[in-house]
Amino acid sequence: MILTKWNAISDWRRLMGPVDPEEARLLSPDSIRAQFGRSILKNAVHGASNMQEAVETINRVFEDFVAENPEKN
C-alpha cells in the first residue's frame, strides 16, 4: 500500500503505534500494533520512518510506480 497525502508518514506511524506491542498497549491501546502485534519482530505492520526510506521502499516493492511529486506527500 502506498499512502499519498500530506503528512502521510507521521499519520501512519501514529496509527501503527510504538514498535514494541507491549509499549503500544500502554501508550496507544487503539493502535494497530497494540491490537495485533505479538513482539518487536512480529509487530503486525511496517512503515517508513522518513521520506527517503518511503521512496526507497516504494521503488523496491513497486518497480513500475512513478510518483507525481513525492515532496507534497
N, C-alpha and C. Protein backbone atom coordinates (compact mmCIF):
# COMPACT_ATOMS: atom_id res chain seq x y z
N MET A 1 0.85 -1.16 0.00
CA MET A 1 0.00 0.00 0.00
C MET A 1 0.90 1.24 0.00
N ILE A 2 0.55 2.21 -0.80
CA ILE A 2 1.26 3.49 -0.83
C ILE A 2 0.27 4.56 -0.37
N LEU A 3 0.61 5.23 0.72
CA LEU A 3 -0.23 6.33 1.20
C LEU A 3 0.23 7.62 0.54
N THR A 4 -0.69 8.33 -0.04
CA THR A 4 -0.34 9.60 -0.67
C THR A 4 -1.26 10.68 -0.12
N LYS A 5 -0.76 11.41 0.83
CA LYS A 5 -1.48 12.53 1.43
C LYS A 5 -0.47 13.39 2.17
N TRP A 6 -0.86 14.57 2.48
CA TRP A 6 0.01 15.43 3.26
C TRP A 6 0.22 14.79 4.62
N ASN A 7 1.46 14.73 5.05
CA ASN A 7 1.82 14.21 6.37
C ASN A 7 1.56 12.71 6.51
N ALA A 8 1.59 11.97 5.43
CA ALA A 8 1.26 10.54 5.44
C ALA A 8 2.15 9.74 6.38
N ILE A 9 3.45 10.01 6.38
CA ILE A 9 4.37 9.21 7.19
C ILE A 9 4.06 9.36 8.67
N SER A 10 3.95 10.57 9.17
CA SER A 10 3.70 10.75 10.60
C SER A 10 2.30 10.27 10.99
N ASP A 11 1.31 10.48 10.14
CA ASP A 11 -0.04 9.98 10.43
C ASP A 11 -0.06 8.46 10.49
N TRP A 12 0.61 7.81 9.54
CA TRP A 12 0.65 6.34 9.52
C TRP A 12 1.40 5.80 10.73
N ARG A 13 2.51 6.45 11.10
CA ARG A 13 3.27 6.00 12.26
C ARG A 13 2.44 6.12 13.53
N ARG A 14 1.64 7.17 13.63
CA ARG A 14 0.76 7.34 14.79
C ARG A 14 -0.29 6.23 14.82
N LEU A 15 -0.85 5.88 13.68
CA LEU A 15 -1.84 4.81 13.60
C LEU A 15 -1.22 3.45 13.93
N MET A 16 0.03 3.22 13.50
CA MET A 16 0.71 1.95 13.80
C MET A 16 0.99 1.81 15.28
N GLY A 17 1.40 2.90 15.93
CA GLY A 17 1.78 2.85 17.34
C GLY A 17 3.25 2.50 17.50
N PRO A 18 3.73 2.47 18.76
CA PRO A 18 5.13 2.13 19.03
C PRO A 18 5.50 0.76 18.48
N VAL A 19 6.78 0.59 18.14
CA VAL A 19 7.28 -0.65 17.54
C VAL A 19 7.03 -1.85 18.46
N ASP A 20 7.25 -1.68 19.75
CA ASP A 20 7.05 -2.76 20.72
C ASP A 20 5.56 -2.84 21.07
N PRO A 21 4.90 -3.95 20.74
CA PRO A 21 3.47 -4.07 21.02
C PRO A 21 3.11 -3.90 22.50
N GLU A 22 4.01 -4.33 23.40
CA GLU A 22 3.75 -4.15 24.83
C GLU A 22 3.68 -2.66 25.17
N GLU A 23 4.62 -1.90 24.64
CA GLU A 23 4.63 -0.44 24.83
C GLU A 23 3.41 0.18 24.17
N ALA A 24 3.07 -0.32 23.00
CA ALA A 24 1.90 0.19 22.27
C ALA A 24 0.62 -0.02 23.09
N ARG A 25 0.50 -1.16 23.75
CA ARG A 25 -0.69 -1.43 24.56
C ARG A 25 -0.84 -0.42 25.69
N LEU A 26 0.29 0.03 26.23
CA LEU A 26 0.26 1.01 27.31
C LEU A 26 0.03 2.43 26.81
N LEU A 27 0.77 2.82 25.75
CA LEU A 27 0.77 4.20 25.29
C LEU A 27 -0.26 4.52 24.21
N SER A 28 -0.62 3.52 23.42
CA SER A 28 -1.50 3.74 22.29
C SER A 28 -2.38 2.49 22.09
N PRO A 29 -3.28 2.22 23.03
CA PRO A 29 -4.03 0.95 23.02
C PRO A 29 -4.91 0.73 21.79
N ASP A 30 -5.25 1.77 21.06
CA ASP A 30 -6.07 1.61 19.85
C ASP A 30 -5.24 1.43 18.59
N SER A 31 -3.92 1.45 18.72
CA SER A 31 -3.06 1.35 17.55
C SER A 31 -3.05 -0.08 16.98
N ILE A 32 -2.60 -0.19 15.74
CA ILE A 32 -2.53 -1.49 15.06
C ILE A 32 -1.61 -2.44 15.82
N ARG A 33 -0.45 -1.96 16.24
CA ARG A 33 0.50 -2.84 16.92
C ARG A 33 -0.01 -3.27 18.29
N ALA A 34 -0.72 -2.39 18.99
CA ALA A 34 -1.29 -2.76 20.28
C ALA A 34 -2.31 -3.87 20.11
N GLN A 35 -3.09 -3.79 19.07
CA GLN A 35 -4.16 -4.76 18.87
C GLN A 35 -3.70 -6.07 18.24
N PHE A 36 -2.69 -6.00 17.35
CA PHE A 36 -2.34 -7.19 16.58
C PHE A 36 -0.89 -7.64 16.71
N GLY A 37 -0.02 -6.82 17.27
CA GLY A 37 1.38 -7.19 17.40
C GLY A 37 1.60 -8.25 18.46
N ARG A 38 2.61 -9.09 18.23
CA ARG A 38 2.96 -10.14 19.19
C ARG A 38 4.30 -9.89 19.86
N SER A 39 5.23 -9.28 19.13
CA SER A 39 6.56 -8.99 19.67
C SER A 39 7.16 -7.86 18.82
N ILE A 40 8.35 -7.43 19.20
CA ILE A 40 9.01 -6.37 18.42
C ILE A 40 9.25 -6.84 16.98
N LEU A 41 9.60 -8.12 16.81
CA LEU A 41 9.84 -8.65 15.46
C LEU A 41 8.55 -9.01 14.73
N LYS A 42 7.52 -9.35 15.47
CA LYS A 42 6.23 -9.70 14.88
C LYS A 42 5.21 -8.65 15.32
N ASN A 43 5.43 -7.42 14.85
CA ASN A 43 4.61 -6.31 15.33
C ASN A 43 3.47 -5.92 14.39
N ALA A 44 3.16 -6.78 13.45
CA ALA A 44 1.96 -6.69 12.60
C ALA A 44 2.05 -5.76 11.40
N VAL A 45 2.90 -4.74 11.42
CA VAL A 45 2.86 -3.74 10.35
C VAL A 45 4.21 -3.03 10.26
N HIS A 46 4.51 -2.53 9.07
CA HIS A 46 5.74 -1.75 8.86
C HIS A 46 5.41 -0.44 8.18
N GLY A 47 6.17 0.56 8.51
CA GLY A 47 6.02 1.85 7.85
C GLY A 47 7.36 2.57 7.81
N ALA A 48 7.57 3.35 6.80
CA ALA A 48 8.81 4.11 6.66
C ALA A 48 8.95 5.13 7.78
N SER A 49 10.20 5.39 8.16
CA SER A 49 10.49 6.38 9.20
C SER A 49 10.59 7.80 8.65
N ASN A 50 10.89 7.90 7.36
CA ASN A 50 11.06 9.21 6.75
C ASN A 50 10.81 9.10 5.24
N MET A 51 10.82 10.23 4.58
CA MET A 51 10.51 10.28 3.15
C MET A 51 11.50 9.46 2.32
N GLN A 52 12.79 9.55 2.64
CA GLN A 52 13.80 8.82 1.88
C GLN A 52 13.56 7.31 1.97
N GLU A 53 13.31 6.81 3.18
CA GLU A 53 13.04 5.39 3.35
C GLU A 53 11.76 4.99 2.61
N ALA A 54 10.76 5.84 2.65
CA ALA A 54 9.50 5.56 1.96
C ALA A 54 9.73 5.43 0.45
N VAL A 55 10.44 6.36 -0.13
CA VAL A 55 10.71 6.34 -1.58
C VAL A 55 11.51 5.09 -1.95
N GLU A 56 12.53 4.75 -1.15
CA GLU A 56 13.33 3.55 -1.43
C GLU A 56 12.48 2.29 -1.37
N THR A 57 11.62 2.19 -0.37
CA THR A 57 10.77 1.01 -0.23
C THR A 57 9.77 0.93 -1.37
N ILE A 58 9.15 2.04 -1.71
CA ILE A 58 8.18 2.07 -2.82
C ILE A 58 8.86 1.64 -4.12
N ASN A 59 10.06 2.17 -4.36
CA ASN A 59 10.78 1.81 -5.59
C ASN A 59 11.15 0.33 -5.63
N ARG A 60 11.45 -0.25 -4.46
CA ARG A 60 11.83 -1.66 -4.40
C ARG A 60 10.60 -2.57 -4.57
N VAL A 61 9.50 -2.22 -3.94
CA VAL A 61 8.31 -3.06 -3.97
C VAL A 61 7.48 -2.86 -5.24
N PHE A 62 7.37 -1.61 -5.66
CA PHE A 62 6.55 -1.27 -6.83
C PHE A 62 7.48 -0.72 -7.90
N GLU A 63 8.18 -1.60 -8.58
CA GLU A 63 9.23 -1.19 -9.52
C GLU A 63 8.74 -0.25 -10.62
N ASP A 64 7.50 -0.39 -11.06
CA ASP A 64 6.99 0.43 -12.15
C ASP A 64 6.29 1.70 -11.70
N PHE A 65 6.19 1.94 -10.40
CA PHE A 65 5.49 3.10 -9.88
C PHE A 65 6.36 4.35 -10.05
N VAL A 66 5.72 5.42 -10.52
CA VAL A 66 6.40 6.72 -10.65
C VAL A 66 5.57 7.74 -9.89
N ALA A 67 6.14 8.29 -8.82
CA ALA A 67 5.44 9.29 -8.01
C ALA A 67 5.32 10.58 -8.79
N GLU A 68 4.17 11.22 -8.68
CA GLU A 68 3.97 12.51 -9.37
C GLU A 68 4.83 13.59 -8.73
N ASN A 69 4.77 13.69 -7.39
CA ASN A 69 5.57 14.68 -6.68
C ASN A 69 5.67 14.24 -5.21
N PRO A 70 6.67 13.39 -4.88
CA PRO A 70 6.75 12.83 -3.53
C PRO A 70 6.94 13.87 -2.43
N GLU A 71 7.47 15.05 -2.75
CA GLU A 71 7.68 16.07 -1.73
C GLU A 71 6.37 16.61 -1.17
N LYS A 72 5.28 16.51 -1.93
CA LYS A 72 4.00 17.02 -1.47
C LYS A 72 3.27 16.04 -0.57
N ASN A 73 3.72 14.79 -0.49
CA ASN A 73 3.01 13.76 0.29
C ASN A 73 3.64 13.53 1.63
